Protein backbone atom coordinates (compact mmCIF):
# COMPACT_ATOMS: atom_id res chain seq x y z
CA MET A 1 63.60 71.86 89.93
CA THR A 2 66.31 70.03 91.77
CA PRO A 3 68.92 72.50 93.07
CA ASN A 4 72.53 71.89 92.35
CA PRO A 5 74.33 73.60 95.21
CA LEU A 6 77.80 73.06 93.82
CA LEU A 7 76.82 74.56 90.49
CA ILE A 8 75.32 77.67 92.04
CA ALA A 9 78.16 78.07 94.52
CA ASP A 10 80.72 77.60 91.74
CA ARG A 11 79.03 80.12 89.48
CA LEU A 12 78.92 82.65 92.30
CA ALA A 13 82.57 82.06 93.16
CA SER A 14 83.57 82.45 89.46
CA ILE A 15 81.72 85.78 89.17
CA ARG A 16 83.16 87.06 92.39
CA MET A 17 86.67 86.31 91.20
CA ASP A 18 86.19 88.73 88.31
CA LEU A 19 84.09 91.26 90.19
CA PRO A 20 85.92 94.08 92.00
CA GLN A 21 85.36 93.94 95.74
CA GLU A 22 83.66 97.34 95.80
CA VAL A 23 81.00 96.28 93.22
CA THR A 24 77.77 94.86 94.72
CA LEU A 25 76.45 91.64 93.17
CA VAL A 26 72.64 91.27 93.15
CA ALA A 27 71.54 87.74 92.28
CA VAL A 28 68.35 88.07 90.24
CA SER A 29 66.20 85.41 91.86
CA LYS A 30 62.83 86.35 90.29
CA THR A 31 60.70 83.31 89.35
CA LYS A 32 63.16 80.97 91.00
CA PRO A 33 61.99 78.53 93.71
CA VAL A 34 63.08 79.06 97.32
CA GLU A 35 65.24 75.94 97.14
CA LEU A 36 67.57 77.69 94.65
CA LEU A 37 67.61 80.86 96.71
CA ALA A 38 68.57 78.78 99.73
CA GLU A 39 71.59 77.43 97.88
CA ALA A 40 72.67 80.96 96.94
CA LEU A 41 72.22 82.11 100.51
CA ASP A 42 74.31 79.20 101.81
CA ALA A 43 77.04 80.34 99.40
CA GLY A 44 76.97 83.78 101.06
CA GLN A 45 74.89 85.63 98.50
CA LEU A 46 72.63 87.97 100.56
CA ASP A 47 71.58 90.48 97.85
CA LEU A 48 68.61 89.05 95.96
CA GLY A 49 66.57 90.70 93.19
CA GLU A 50 62.83 90.30 92.64
CA ASN A 51 60.44 92.05 90.31
CA ARG A 52 57.04 90.80 91.48
CA THR A 53 55.74 92.32 94.66
CA GLN A 54 53.78 89.32 95.85
CA GLU A 55 56.62 86.91 95.13
CA MET A 56 59.07 89.13 97.04
CA ALA A 57 56.73 89.24 100.02
CA GLN A 58 56.26 85.44 99.98
CA LYS A 59 59.99 84.73 99.74
CA ALA A 60 60.78 87.25 102.50
CA ALA A 61 58.21 85.60 104.75
CA HIS A 62 59.57 82.14 103.89
CA PHE A 63 63.12 82.92 104.88
CA ASP A 64 62.29 85.42 107.62
CA ARG A 65 65.90 86.60 107.85
CA SER A 66 66.98 90.12 108.61
CA ASP A 67 70.35 89.71 106.88
CA ILE A 68 68.85 89.22 103.36
CA ARG A 69 68.82 92.35 101.33
CA TRP A 70 65.84 92.27 98.99
CA HIS A 71 66.07 94.40 95.86
CA HIS A 72 62.95 95.34 93.86
CA ILE A 73 64.38 95.44 90.32
CA GLY A 74 61.42 95.78 87.97
CA HIS A 75 59.15 98.64 87.01
CA LEU A 76 57.03 99.43 90.05
CA GLN A 77 53.46 100.60 89.88
CA THR A 78 52.29 103.04 92.50
CA ASN A 79 49.50 100.75 93.68
CA LYS A 80 52.14 98.05 94.50
CA VAL A 81 54.40 100.28 96.60
CA LYS A 82 52.66 99.43 99.88
CA GLN A 83 53.59 95.75 99.39
CA VAL A 84 57.21 96.44 98.55
CA VAL A 85 58.25 99.01 101.15
CA PRO A 86 58.29 96.65 104.20
CA HIS A 87 60.73 94.31 102.46
CA ALA A 88 62.89 96.29 100.08
CA HIS A 89 66.52 97.11 100.89
CA LEU A 90 66.66 99.04 97.58
CA ILE A 91 64.04 99.92 94.96
CA HIS A 92 65.88 100.07 91.66
CA ALA A 93 63.72 101.54 88.92
CA VAL A 94 62.08 104.82 89.97
CA ASP A 95 61.22 107.07 87.06
CA SER A 96 58.71 109.65 88.32
CA ARG A 97 58.07 112.08 91.11
CA ARG A 98 54.65 110.48 91.63
CA LEU A 99 56.26 107.15 92.33
CA LEU A 100 58.82 108.71 94.63
CA ASP A 101 56.11 110.49 96.60
CA GLU A 102 54.16 107.26 97.00
CA ILE A 103 57.32 105.45 98.24
CA ASP A 104 57.91 108.30 100.67
CA LYS A 105 54.36 108.22 101.96
CA ARG A 106 54.35 104.47 102.48
CA SER A 107 57.80 104.57 104.11
CA ARG A 108 56.66 107.34 106.44
CA ASN A 109 53.57 105.34 107.39
CA ALA A 110 55.77 102.30 108.09
CA ASN A 111 58.18 104.41 110.15
CA ARG A 112 61.14 103.43 108.02
CA ASN A 113 63.51 104.89 105.46
CA THR A 114 63.67 103.41 101.96
CA SER A 115 66.56 103.71 99.49
CA VAL A 116 65.89 104.07 95.73
CA LEU A 117 67.67 104.42 92.38
CA LEU A 118 66.45 106.77 89.67
CA GLN A 119 66.27 105.03 86.27
CA LEU A 120 67.81 106.77 83.28
CA HIS A 121 66.70 105.57 79.80
CA ILE A 122 69.94 104.82 77.97
CA ALA A 123 68.87 102.07 75.55
CA GLN A 124 67.57 102.33 71.97
CA GLU A 125 64.47 100.21 72.77
CA THR A 126 61.64 102.60 73.47
CA GLN A 127 59.73 100.04 75.55
CA LYS A 128 62.31 100.18 78.32
CA HIS A 129 61.42 102.45 81.18
CA GLY A 130 63.36 105.40 82.49
CA LEU A 131 63.81 109.18 82.49
CA ASP A 132 65.42 111.08 79.67
CA ASP A 133 68.20 113.57 80.52
CA GLN A 134 65.79 116.51 80.87
CA GLY A 135 63.34 114.52 82.93
CA LEU A 136 66.09 113.44 85.30
CA GLU A 137 67.31 117.00 85.81
CA THR A 138 63.79 118.24 86.41
CA LEU A 139 63.11 115.52 88.97
CA LEU A 140 66.34 116.35 90.79
CA GLU A 141 65.37 120.00 90.86
CA SER A 142 62.03 119.11 92.34
CA LEU A 143 63.72 117.09 95.04
CA ALA A 144 65.98 120.00 95.90
CA THR A 145 63.00 122.30 96.46
CA HIS A 146 60.60 119.75 97.85
CA PRO A 147 62.74 117.10 99.61
CA LEU A 148 61.58 113.67 100.66
CA THR A 149 61.40 112.73 104.32
CA ASN A 150 61.73 108.96 104.39
CA THR A 151 63.20 108.11 101.03
CA VAL A 152 66.87 108.38 100.03
CA VAL A 153 68.03 108.58 96.44
CA GLN A 154 71.12 106.40 96.43
CA GLY A 155 72.04 106.87 92.77
CA LEU A 156 71.17 105.96 89.22
CA MET A 157 70.51 102.83 87.25
CA GLY A 158 70.06 101.99 83.58
CA MET A 159 69.72 99.09 81.17
CA ALA A 160 71.66 98.97 77.95
CA THR A 161 70.20 97.94 74.59
CA PHE A 162 69.91 94.17 74.12
CA THR A 163 72.45 93.80 71.28
CA ASP A 164 75.64 92.03 70.35
CA ASP A 165 77.21 95.40 69.48
CA THR A 166 79.51 95.86 72.40
CA SER A 167 80.58 99.32 71.26
CA GLN A 168 76.96 100.48 71.51
CA VAL A 169 76.59 98.96 74.99
CA THR A 170 79.81 100.65 76.03
CA ARG A 171 78.54 104.02 74.81
CA GLU A 172 75.31 103.65 76.72
CA PHE A 173 77.08 102.75 79.93
CA LYS A 174 79.47 105.64 79.47
CA ARG A 175 76.49 107.96 79.19
CA LEU A 176 74.98 106.70 82.45
CA ARG A 177 78.22 106.99 84.32
CA LYS A 178 78.77 110.48 82.93
CA GLN A 179 75.35 111.58 84.18
CA PHE A 180 76.02 109.93 87.54
CA ASP A 181 79.24 111.91 87.95
CA ALA A 182 77.77 115.16 86.65
CA LEU A 183 74.52 115.22 88.60
CA ASN A 184 75.64 113.59 91.87
CA PRO A 185 74.55 116.04 94.55
CA GLY A 186 76.90 114.40 97.04
CA GLY A 187 75.97 111.21 98.79
CA TRP A 188 75.13 109.06 95.78
CA THR A 189 76.85 105.71 96.17
CA THR A 190 75.31 103.49 93.52
CA CYS A 191 75.62 103.54 89.71
CA SER A 192 73.80 100.36 88.74
CA MET A 193 74.38 98.96 85.31
CA GLY A 194 75.17 95.54 83.93
CA MET A 195 73.40 92.18 83.79
CA SER A 196 74.40 88.62 82.92
CA GLY A 197 75.34 89.42 79.32
CA ASP A 198 77.07 92.75 79.72
CA TRP A 199 78.20 93.17 83.36
CA LYS A 200 81.92 93.05 82.56
CA ILE A 201 81.53 96.00 80.19
CA ALA A 202 79.49 97.81 82.86
CA VAL A 203 82.13 97.34 85.48
CA ASP A 204 84.81 98.63 83.11
CA GLU A 205 82.64 101.74 82.64
CA GLY A 206 82.22 102.40 86.34
CA SER A 207 79.30 100.31 87.58
CA THR A 208 79.08 99.85 91.31
CA LEU A 209 76.26 97.32 91.26
CA VAL A 210 75.47 94.49 88.81
CA ARG A 211 72.36 92.35 88.55
CA ILE A 212 73.06 88.77 87.42
CA GLY A 213 70.45 86.04 87.12
CA SER A 214 70.94 83.39 84.43
CA ALA A 215 74.72 83.22 84.97
CA ILE A 216 73.96 82.16 88.56
CA PHE A 217 70.72 80.23 88.50
CA GLY A 218 70.70 79.10 84.86
CA GLU A 219 68.28 80.02 82.08
CA ARG A 220 64.67 80.55 82.98
């Protein structure tokens, strides 16, 4: 693939024009070659999203830059945590105490702190991961009684149903933001919702972080 730096830079500039300054833009770079990532970096895009542990590690080693903020955005298996912790600025989709404890253990062993987002299931598709409302409350209660030492819950994230029904997407994002506001113990800063097809709705409903891939790098 031959990178088109003007195209990537222009797409990023166009998105940033419509994106409130306080909303973080994560460019979803998974499966993309390092040449395309380099063009995004040259355009000032330092938050990059990956969902494969080995690919993230390889790209982090390739660039070897401390200013890049690598986001792990996919479902993370406990046996992959050790590979992710050294590189991840933020782990996005945590949906169990078991996974949290593994992240905490690996972070402690690496003598570092790791930030995470808890994933709430807000979509109609059952195959999408995430906690239900009761599971989220139970997990937060367990964290209050048995706190983590090297892992910081930074907020919530969720993915809306893949549909053209914007009213449904709006309802799902409203639900996530409502839970974020209701359950925030103080200190949560990130309510992550919105991707290439629905990020503008998400921002209207209170998203503080959007993940955009195809609108920046083109279709896969």
